[in-house]
Amino acid sequence: MAETDEFWTAEEVSNYLRIPQSTIYKLAQDKVLPGFKVGKHWRFRRETILKWVKEKENPVHQNNNIMDK
């Protein structure tokens, strides 16, 4: 997976996130993971995936922290 690739395949996203490829497909189908289909193949914009990960790491509303309750 080259760092300059604009689009990633489901396999590349799976390797990056270290989760099963089947989970990538499920998350994409459920519109949880941002991606789109080209024919039968899912594609993911590299920058969008990196942004999605950062958003998941730093939620906007951090009031759900169980330790604060």
N, C-alpha and C. Protein backbone atom coordinates (compact mmCIF):
# COMPACT_ATOMS: atom_id res chain seq x y z
N MET A 1 0.85 -1.17 0.00
CA MET A 1 0.00 0.00 0.00
C MET A 1 0.90 1.23 0.00
N ALA A 2 0.91 1.97 -1.06
CA ALA A 2 1.73 3.17 -1.17
C ALA A 2 1.06 4.33 -0.46
N GLU A 3 1.85 5.15 0.20
CA GLU A 3 1.31 6.29 0.94
C GLU A 3 0.67 7.33 0.03
N THR A 4 1.03 7.34 -1.24
CA THR A 4 0.50 8.34 -2.14
C THR A 4 -0.78 7.91 -2.83
N ASP A 5 -1.23 6.68 -2.60
CA ASP A 5 -2.47 6.21 -3.23
C ASP A 5 -3.64 7.01 -2.71
N GLU A 6 -4.41 7.56 -3.63
CA GLU A 6 -5.57 8.37 -3.23
C GLU A 6 -6.71 7.49 -2.73
N PHE A 7 -6.88 6.33 -3.37
CA PHE A 7 -7.97 5.43 -3.00
C PHE A 7 -7.41 4.11 -2.49
N TRP A 8 -8.10 3.56 -1.48
CA TRP A 8 -7.74 2.26 -0.93
C TRP A 8 -8.83 1.26 -1.25
N THR A 9 -8.43 0.01 -1.36
CA THR A 9 -9.38 -1.10 -1.50
C THR A 9 -9.82 -1.51 -0.09
N ALA A 10 -10.83 -2.36 -0.03
CA ALA A 10 -11.28 -2.88 1.26
C ALA A 10 -10.14 -3.63 1.96
N GLU A 11 -9.34 -4.34 1.19
CA GLU A 11 -8.21 -5.08 1.77
C GLU A 11 -7.20 -4.12 2.39
N GLU A 12 -6.92 -3.00 1.72
CA GLU A 12 -5.97 -2.03 2.25
C GLU A 12 -6.51 -1.35 3.51
N VAL A 13 -7.79 -1.04 3.53
CA VAL A 13 -8.39 -0.45 4.73
C VAL A 13 -8.35 -1.46 5.87
N SER A 14 -8.64 -2.72 5.55
CA SER A 14 -8.59 -3.79 6.53
C SER A 14 -7.19 -3.91 7.15
N ASN A 15 -6.17 -3.85 6.31
CA ASN A 15 -4.79 -3.93 6.80
C ASN A 15 -4.44 -2.71 7.65
N TYR A 16 -4.87 -1.54 7.22
CA TYR A 16 -4.58 -0.31 7.96
C TYR A 16 -5.23 -0.33 9.34
N LEU A 17 -6.51 -0.71 9.39
CA LEU A 17 -7.25 -0.71 10.66
C LEU A 17 -7.04 -1.98 11.48
N ARG A 18 -6.43 -2.99 10.84
CA ARG A 18 -6.18 -4.30 11.48
C ARG A 18 -7.47 -4.95 11.97
N ILE A 19 -8.47 -4.92 11.11
CA ILE A 19 -9.72 -5.63 11.38
C ILE A 19 -10.07 -6.45 10.14
N PRO A 20 -10.89 -7.49 10.31
CA PRO A 20 -11.21 -8.36 9.18
C PRO A 20 -11.85 -7.61 8.01
N GLN A 21 -11.56 -8.07 6.81
CA GLN A 21 -12.11 -7.47 5.61
C GLN A 21 -13.64 -7.55 5.61
N SER A 22 -14.19 -8.61 6.17
CA SER A 22 -15.64 -8.75 6.24
C SER A 22 -16.25 -7.63 7.08
N THR A 23 -15.54 -7.18 8.10
CA THR A 23 -16.02 -6.06 8.93
C THR A 23 -15.99 -4.76 8.14
N ILE A 24 -14.98 -4.60 7.30
CA ILE A 24 -14.90 -3.40 6.45
C ILE A 24 -16.12 -3.34 5.54
N TYR A 25 -16.46 -4.47 4.90
CA TYR A 25 -17.63 -4.52 4.03
C TYR A 25 -18.91 -4.20 4.79
N LYS A 26 -19.05 -4.76 5.98
CA LYS A 26 -20.25 -4.55 6.79
C LYS A 26 -20.37 -3.08 7.19
N LEU A 27 -19.28 -2.49 7.66
CA LEU A 27 -19.30 -1.08 8.07
C LEU A 27 -19.59 -0.16 6.89
N ALA A 28 -19.04 -0.49 5.72
CA ALA A 28 -19.28 0.32 4.53
C ALA A 28 -20.74 0.21 4.08
N GLN A 29 -21.27 -1.01 4.08
CA GLN A 29 -22.67 -1.21 3.69
C GLN A 29 -23.62 -0.48 4.64
N ASP A 30 -23.28 -0.47 5.91
CA ASP A 30 -24.12 0.18 6.92
C ASP A 30 -23.86 1.69 6.99
N LYS A 31 -23.01 2.20 6.11
CA LYS A 31 -22.67 3.63 6.03
C LYS A 31 -22.03 4.15 7.31
N VAL A 32 -21.34 3.28 8.02
CA VAL A 32 -20.58 3.67 9.19
C VAL A 32 -19.18 4.11 8.75
N LEU A 33 -18.62 3.37 7.83
CA LEU A 33 -17.31 3.65 7.26
C LEU A 33 -17.50 4.32 5.91
N PRO A 34 -16.92 5.51 5.68
CA PRO A 34 -17.14 6.22 4.42
C PRO A 34 -16.45 5.53 3.25
N GLY A 35 -17.24 5.15 2.26
CA GLY A 35 -16.71 4.51 1.06
C GLY A 35 -17.77 4.51 -0.02
N PHE A 36 -17.42 3.99 -1.18
CA PHE A 36 -18.37 3.92 -2.29
C PHE A 36 -18.02 2.72 -3.16
N LYS A 37 -19.00 2.29 -3.92
CA LYS A 37 -18.80 1.13 -4.79
C LYS A 37 -18.53 1.59 -6.22
N VAL A 38 -17.59 0.90 -6.84
CA VAL A 38 -17.32 1.03 -8.27
C VAL A 38 -17.63 -0.34 -8.83
N GLY A 39 -18.82 -0.47 -9.41
CA GLY A 39 -19.27 -1.79 -9.82
C GLY A 39 -19.51 -2.64 -8.58
N LYS A 40 -18.79 -3.75 -8.48
CA LYS A 40 -18.92 -4.63 -7.31
C LYS A 40 -17.86 -4.35 -6.25
N HIS A 41 -16.98 -3.42 -6.51
CA HIS A 41 -15.80 -3.20 -5.66
C HIS A 41 -15.94 -1.94 -4.82
N TRP A 42 -15.63 -2.07 -3.54
CA TRP A 42 -15.64 -0.93 -2.64
C TRP A 42 -14.33 -0.18 -2.77
N ARG A 43 -14.42 1.16 -2.72
CA ARG A 43 -13.24 2.01 -2.71
C ARG A 43 -13.40 3.03 -1.59
N PHE A 44 -12.26 3.40 -1.02
CA PHE A 44 -12.24 4.30 0.13
C PHE A 44 -11.17 5.37 -0.11
N ARG A 45 -11.57 6.63 0.01
CA ARG A 45 -10.60 7.71 -0.16
C ARG A 45 -9.69 7.72 1.06
N ARG A 46 -8.39 7.66 0.83
CA ARG A 46 -7.40 7.57 1.90
C ARG A 46 -7.59 8.69 2.92
N GLU A 47 -7.68 9.92 2.46
CA GLU A 47 -7.81 11.06 3.38
C GLU A 47 -9.09 10.98 4.20
N THR A 48 -10.16 10.48 3.61
CA THR A 48 -11.43 10.36 4.32
C THR A 48 -11.33 9.32 5.43
N ILE A 49 -10.65 8.22 5.15
CA ILE A 49 -10.47 7.18 6.18
C ILE A 49 -9.61 7.71 7.32
N LEU A 50 -8.53 8.42 7.01
CA LEU A 50 -7.67 8.98 8.05
C LEU A 50 -8.44 9.99 8.91
N LYS A 51 -9.28 10.81 8.27
CA LYS A 51 -10.10 11.77 9.01
C LYS A 51 -11.13 11.04 9.88
N TRP A 52 -11.75 9.98 9.35
CA TRP A 52 -12.74 9.20 10.08
C TRP A 52 -12.11 8.60 11.34
N VAL A 53 -10.89 8.09 11.21
CA VAL A 53 -10.20 7.51 12.37
C VAL A 53 -9.95 8.58 13.42
N LYS A 54 -9.49 9.76 13.00
CA LYS A 54 -9.24 10.85 13.95
C LYS A 54 -10.52 11.26 14.67
N GLU A 55 -11.64 11.30 13.93
CA GLU A 55 -12.92 11.65 14.55
C GLU A 55 -13.33 10.60 15.58
N LYS A 56 -13.06 9.34 15.29
CA LYS A 56 -13.40 8.27 16.23
C LYS A 56 -12.49 8.31 17.45
N GLU A 57 -11.25 8.75 17.27
CA GLU A 57 -10.31 8.85 18.39
C GLU A 57 -10.67 10.02 19.30
N ASN A 58 -11.16 11.10 18.70
CA ASN A 58 -11.47 12.32 19.45
C ASN A 58 -12.93 12.69 19.24
N PRO A 59 -13.86 12.01 19.92
CA PRO A 59 -15.28 12.32 19.72
C PRO A 59 -15.59 13.76 20.09
N VAL A 60 -16.53 14.36 19.36
CA VAL A 60 -16.93 15.74 19.61
C VAL A 60 -17.52 15.86 21.01
N HIS A 61 -18.36 14.92 21.37
CA HIS A 61 -19.01 14.93 22.69
C HIS A 61 -18.33 13.88 23.56
N GLN A 62 -17.53 14.32 24.48
CA GLN A 62 -16.81 13.39 25.35
C GLN A 62 -17.55 13.21 26.67
N ASN A 63 -18.83 13.56 26.73
CA ASN A 63 -19.63 13.43 27.95
C ASN A 63 -20.03 11.99 28.22
N ASN A 64 -19.73 11.10 27.29
CA ASN A 64 -20.13 9.69 27.45
C ASN A 64 -19.08 8.88 28.19
N ASN A 65 -18.07 9.52 28.71
CA ASN A 65 -17.01 8.80 29.43
C ASN A 65 -17.58 8.24 30.73
N ILE A 66 -17.56 6.94 30.86
CA ILE A 66 -18.17 6.26 32.01
C ILE A 66 -17.45 6.61 33.31
N MET A 67 -16.16 6.99 33.23
CA MET A 67 -15.41 7.33 34.44
C MET A 67 -15.86 8.66 35.03
N ASP A 68 -16.52 9.52 34.22
CA ASP A 68 -16.99 10.81 34.70
C ASP A 68 -18.30 10.71 35.47
N LYS A 69 -18.94 9.56 35.42
CA LYS A 69 -20.27 9.42 36.03
C LYS A 69 -20.20 8.80 37.38
